[in-house]
């Protein structure tokens, strides 16, 4: 069996594991609830849907962006779990390269997240067609940015999974890095008027601000007392560069570390 065929088998087996897991359907439920909260909450609590479809598109795209966090829960145990459960003694001693195993697991996790993200944006498109009869081209751009963000988050998770001793540690470390460290640094840099394009938290905002900046979320009624820098939307091109760097660097680091990590 060639290495490519082994990669195909590993990817398919891991993908089936995700399809059978409760995590996939739990995350899908979160996405659907987030979408329904917007679709039902706006006309119920307000004066109906916004006149500008970009506003509703931006609000609805928050739901699919939550699917990218599913990468953390899918990939947290991808590598660390093999060492924690000692299944690595079986997997790593088989005639399958560790590189093939890591790539296969990555592709399987990526396929699961792509499926969730795609379903989320299908809901967005159907909702916009139903309310306005039109889908803006920015929706496709937001979808592409969400996929890139998911790949970046997946790579970061794989990196922490490759250096962690347990699944829970890898998951927590990734969430702390993405939501606490990156988020706090982003806020501090914004208040100081310094660029934060290299942080995933700011790059992730591009999936929403692609519709017209933060103004799209507030319908032009921006909060008082906030500086222009704090309300400045991320540069899309720099966000793409940052996400690609995280995706490539962390992915290859996870492979390099896994190849050299001892089972004992």
Protein backbone atom coordinates (compact mmCIF):
# COMPACT_ATOMS: atom_id res chain seq x y z
CA UNK A 1 0.00 0.00 0.00
CA UNK A 2 1.40 3.38 -1.01
CA UNK A 3 1.73 6.24 1.46
CA UNK A 4 -1.01 8.12 -0.38
CA UNK A 5 -3.42 5.20 0.09
CA UNK A 6 -2.49 5.03 3.76
CA UNK A 7 -3.23 8.75 4.03
CA UNK A 8 -6.63 8.22 2.42
CA UNK A 9 -7.48 5.41 4.87
CA UNK A 10 -6.37 7.44 7.91
CA UNK A 11 -8.32 10.51 6.76
CA UNK A 12 -11.52 8.57 6.04
CA UNK A 13 -11.36 6.63 9.32
CA UNK A 14 -10.79 9.79 11.36
CA UNK A 15 -13.57 11.63 9.50
CA UNK A 16 -16.01 8.83 10.26
CA UNK A 17 -15.05 9.14 13.93
CA UNK A 18 -16.03 12.82 13.83
CA UNK A 19 -19.33 12.05 12.10
CA UNK A 20 -20.19 9.59 14.87
CA UNK A 21 -19.13 11.90 17.69
CA UNK A 22 -21.55 14.03 19.68
CA UNK A 23 -19.19 17.01 19.40
CA UNK A 24 -20.04 17.61 15.73
CA UNK A 25 -23.78 17.75 16.40
CA UNK A 26 -23.32 19.82 19.55
CA UNK A 27 -21.36 22.46 17.63
CA UNK A 28 -23.89 22.34 14.79
CA UNK A 29 -26.60 22.95 17.38
CA UNK A 30 -24.74 26.01 18.68
CA UNK A 31 -24.49 27.41 15.15
CA UNK A 32 -28.20 26.85 14.47
CA UNK A 33 -29.21 28.40 17.81
CA UNK A 34 -27.05 31.46 17.09
CA UNK A 35 -28.70 31.89 13.68
CA UNK A 36 -32.21 31.42 15.05
CA UNK A 37 -31.51 33.92 17.85
CA UNK A 38 -30.84 36.57 15.20
CA UNK A 39 -33.67 35.58 12.84
CA UNK A 40 -36.28 35.35 15.59
CA UNK A 41 -34.91 37.89 18.06
CA UNK A 42 -34.58 40.88 15.70
CA UNK A 43 -38.21 41.10 14.55
CA UNK A 44 -39.51 40.07 17.97
CA UNK A 45 -37.52 42.49 20.12
CA UNK A 46 -36.94 45.27 17.60
CA UNK A 47 -38.68 46.95 14.70
CA UNK A 48 -38.15 44.15 12.25
CA UNK A 49 -35.12 43.34 10.14
CA UNK A 50 -32.61 46.08 9.25
CA UNK A 51 -33.12 47.97 6.00
CA UNK A 52 -29.53 47.30 5.03
CA UNK A 53 -29.01 43.62 4.25
CA UNK A 54 -25.30 44.00 5.12
CA UNK A 55 -26.28 44.47 8.75
CA UNK A 56 -28.25 41.24 8.91
CA UNK A 57 -25.57 39.42 6.89
CA UNK A 58 -22.90 40.48 9.38
CA UNK A 59 -25.02 39.42 12.35
CA UNK A 60 -25.90 36.06 10.82
CA UNK A 61 -22.26 35.36 9.95
CA UNK A 62 -21.43 35.31 13.65
CA UNK A 63 -23.06 31.87 13.81
CA UNK A 64 -20.86 30.13 11.21
CA UNK A 65 -17.78 31.77 12.70
CA UNK A 66 -18.53 29.84 15.89
CA UNK A 67 -18.03 26.66 13.86
CA UNK A 68 -14.34 27.53 13.59
CA UNK A 69 -14.06 26.99 17.34
CA UNK A 70 -15.16 23.43 16.63
CA UNK A 71 -11.63 22.91 15.32
CA UNK A 72 -10.40 23.18 18.91
CA UNK A 73 -12.64 20.38 20.13
CA UNK A 74 -12.07 18.17 17.09
CA UNK A 75 -8.28 18.51 17.16
CA UNK A 76 -7.58 18.75 20.89
CA UNK A 77 -7.15 15.00 21.20
CA UNK A 78 -5.80 14.36 17.69
CA UNK A 79 -2.20 13.89 18.86
CA UNK A 80 -2.24 14.26 22.64
CA UNK A 81 -4.97 11.61 22.87
CA UNK A 82 -2.72 8.97 21.28
CA UNK A 83 -0.12 9.52 24.00
CA UNK A 84 -2.63 9.89 26.82
CA UNK A 85 -4.57 6.73 25.97
CA UNK A 86 -1.37 4.87 24.97
CA UNK A 87 -2.93 4.02 21.60
CA UNK A 88 0.22 5.43 20.08
CA UNK A 89 1.94 2.14 20.92
CA UNK A 90 -0.31 0.55 18.29
CA UNK A 91 -0.51 3.37 15.76
CA UNK A 92 3.10 4.52 15.78
CA UNK A 93 4.51 1.00 15.54
CA UNK A 94 2.51 0.23 12.39
CA UNK A 95 4.13 0.79 8.97
CA UNK A 96 2.46 4.20 8.70
CA UNK A 97 4.62 7.28 9.02
CA UNK A 98 3.79 9.68 11.81
CA UNK A 99 3.70 12.42 9.20
CA UNK A 100 0.95 10.53 7.37
CA UNK A 101 -1.03 10.11 10.59
CA UNK A 102 -0.81 13.81 11.47
CA UNK A 103 -1.76 14.94 7.97
CA UNK A 104 -4.65 12.45 7.83
CA UNK A 105 -5.98 13.58 11.19
CA UNK A 106 -5.63 17.22 10.13
CA UNK A 107 -7.54 16.66 6.89
CA UNK A 108 -10.30 14.77 8.73
CA UNK A 109 -10.70 17.51 11.33
CA UNK A 110 -10.63 20.11 8.57
CA UNK A 111 -13.35 18.29 6.63
CA UNK A 112 -15.59 18.21 9.71
CA UNK A 113 -15.12 21.94 10.34
CA UNK A 114 -15.68 22.77 6.66
CA UNK A 115 -18.95 20.81 6.80
CA UNK A 116 -20.12 22.77 9.84
CA UNK A 117 -19.07 26.12 8.35
CA UNK A 118 -20.74 25.32 5.03
CA UNK A 119 -24.01 24.41 6.73
CA UNK A 120 -23.85 27.68 8.68
CA UNK A 121 -23.43 29.77 5.55
CA UNK A 122 -26.18 27.85 3.78
CA UNK A 123 -28.49 29.08 6.55
CA UNK A 124 -27.12 32.62 6.07
CA UNK A 125 -27.77 32.54 2.32
CA UNK A 126 -31.27 31.09 2.66
CA UNK A 127 -32.12 33.70 5.32
CA UNK A 128 -30.87 36.62 3.21
CA UNK A 129 -32.74 35.34 0.16
CA UNK A 130 -35.92 34.98 2.20
CA UNK A 131 -35.73 38.44 3.76
CA UNK A 132 -34.13 40.56 1.01
CA UNK A 133 -34.17 38.34 -2.09
CA UNK A 134 -30.47 38.94 -2.55
CA UNK A 135 -27.12 37.55 -1.36
CA UNK A 136 -24.18 39.99 -1.30
CA UNK A 137 -20.83 38.88 -2.73
CA UNK A 138 -19.31 39.64 0.68
CA UNK A 139 -20.97 36.47 1.96
CA UNK A 140 -18.64 34.40 -0.23
CA UNK A 141 -15.69 36.43 1.03
CA UNK A 142 -16.77 35.87 4.63
CA UNK A 143 -17.10 32.14 3.93
CA UNK A 144 -13.58 31.99 2.50
CA UNK A 145 -12.15 33.90 5.47
CA UNK A 146 -13.98 31.59 7.88
CA UNK A 147 -12.43 28.54 6.22
CA UNK A 148 -8.98 30.11 6.44
CA UNK A 149 -9.59 31.00 10.09
CA UNK A 150 -10.71 27.42 10.77
CA UNK A 151 -7.50 26.09 9.21
CA UNK A 152 -5.43 28.45 11.34
CA UNK A 153 -7.24 27.48 14.54
CA UNK A 154 -6.86 23.83 13.59
CA UNK A 155 -3.09 24.22 13.13
CA UNK A 156 -2.72 26.04 16.44
CA UNK A 157 -4.69 23.27 18.16
CA UNK A 158 -2.55 20.59 16.55
CA UNK A 159 0.55 22.39 17.78
CA UNK A 160 -0.68 22.43 21.39
CA UNK A 161 -1.88 18.85 21.04
CA UNK A 162 1.58 17.78 19.90
CA UNK A 163 3.28 19.27 22.98
CA UNK A 164 0.63 18.38 25.58
CA UNK A 165 0.43 15.27 27.72
CA UNK A 166 -3.36 15.15 27.76
CA UNK A 167 -6.39 16.02 25.67
CA UNK A 168 -7.88 18.44 28.19
CA UNK A 169 -4.59 20.31 28.56
CA UNK A 170 -4.28 20.74 24.80
CA UNK A 171 -7.86 22.01 24.48
CA UNK A 172 -7.58 24.43 27.39
CA UNK A 173 -4.20 25.75 26.24
CA UNK A 174 -5.60 26.46 22.79
CA UNK A 175 -8.71 28.22 24.12
CA UNK A 176 -6.61 30.31 26.51
CA UNK A 177 -4.25 31.29 23.71
CA UNK A 178 -7.02 32.19 21.26
CA UNK A 179 -9.63 33.76 23.53
CA UNK A 180 -7.67 35.12 26.49
CA UNK A 181 -4.08 35.90 25.52
CA UNK A 182 -4.81 36.92 21.93
CA UNK A 183 -8.02 38.71 22.90
CA UNK A 184 -6.46 40.69 25.76
CA UNK A 185 -3.43 41.66 23.70
CA UNK A 186 -5.69 42.76 20.90
CA UNK A 187 -7.64 45.04 23.24
CA UNK A 188 -4.49 46.52 24.76
CA UNK A 189 -2.93 47.18 21.36
CA UNK A 190 -6.11 48.83 20.11
CA UNK A 191 -6.25 51.15 23.13
CA UNK A 192 -2.58 51.99 22.59
CA UNK A 193 -3.18 52.68 18.91
CA UNK A 194 -0.82 49.90 17.83
CA UNK A 195 -1.43 47.32 15.09
CA UNK A 196 -2.59 43.86 16.11
CA UNK A 197 -3.00 42.24 12.71
CA UNK A 198 -0.72 39.36 13.76
CA UNK A 199 -3.21 38.19 16.40
CA UNK A 200 -5.78 35.57 15.44
CA UNK A 201 -8.48 37.30 17.46
CA UNK A 202 -8.24 40.39 15.24
CA UNK A 203 -7.85 38.37 12.05
CA UNK A 204 -10.97 36.42 13.01
CA UNK A 205 -13.01 39.63 13.14
CA UNK A 206 -12.49 40.00 9.40
CA UNK A 207 -15.16 37.34 8.78
CA UNK A 208 -17.70 39.87 10.09
CA UNK A 209 -16.18 43.24 9.17
CA UNK A 210 -15.88 42.18 5.53
CA UNK A 211 -19.51 43.34 5.21
CA UNK A 212 -18.57 46.96 5.83
CA UNK A 213 -16.64 47.26 9.07
CA UNK A 214 -17.96 47.30 12.60
CA UNK A 215 -20.55 49.82 11.43
CA UNK A 216 -22.45 46.93 9.87
CA UNK A 217 -23.09 45.47 13.31
CA UNK A 218 -24.27 48.76 14.83
CA UNK A 219 -26.03 50.08 11.75
CA UNK A 220 -23.78 53.12 11.76
CA UNK A 221 -24.65 53.99 15.37
CA UNK A 222 -21.22 53.45 16.85
CA UNK A 223 -20.71 53.35 20.63
CA UNK A 224 -19.70 56.62 22.27
CA UNK A 225 -16.40 57.07 24.10
CA UNK A 226 -14.43 54.72 21.85
CA UNK A 227 -11.44 55.87 19.81
CA UNK A 228 -11.29 55.56 16.06
CA UNK A 229 -8.47 53.05 16.42
CA UNK A 230 -10.59 50.75 18.61
CA UNK A 231 -13.36 50.84 16.01
CA UNK A 232 -11.05 50.39 13.05
CA UNK A 233 -11.86 47.22 11.12
CA UNK A 234 -9.03 44.73 10.53
CA UNK A 235 -7.16 45.00 7.25
CA UNK A 236 -8.42 42.03 5.21
CA UNK A 237 -5.11 41.47 3.43
CA UNK A 238 -3.08 41.54 6.64
CA UNK A 239 -5.61 39.24 8.29
CA UNK A 240 -5.15 36.73 5.47
CA UNK A 241 -1.36 36.93 5.86
CA UNK A 242 -1.61 36.36 9.62
CA UNK A 243 -3.94 33.38 9.27
CA UNK A 244 -1.77 31.77 6.59
CA UNK A 245 1.30 32.15 8.82
CA UNK A 246 -0.46 30.50 11.77
CA UNK A 247 -1.80 27.74 9.52
CA UNK A 248 1.53 26.84 7.89
CA UNK A 249 3.95 27.36 10.80
CA UNK A 250 1.88 25.62 13.48
CA UNK A 251 0.98 22.75 11.15
CA UNK A 252 4.59 21.94 10.28
CA UNK A 253 5.65 22.41 13.91
CA UNK A 254 3.05 19.85 14.99
CA UNK A 255 4.43 17.35 12.47
CA UNK A 256 8.03 17.99 13.50
CA UNK A 257 7.29 17.65 17.21
CA UNK A 258 5.16 14.51 16.77
CA UNK A 259 7.88 12.79 14.75
CA UNK A 260 10.39 13.34 17.58
CA UNK A 261 8.13 12.82 20.57
CA UNK A 262 8.72 9.70 22.66
CA UNK A 263 5.80 7.47 23.68
CA UNK A 264 7.03 6.94 27.23
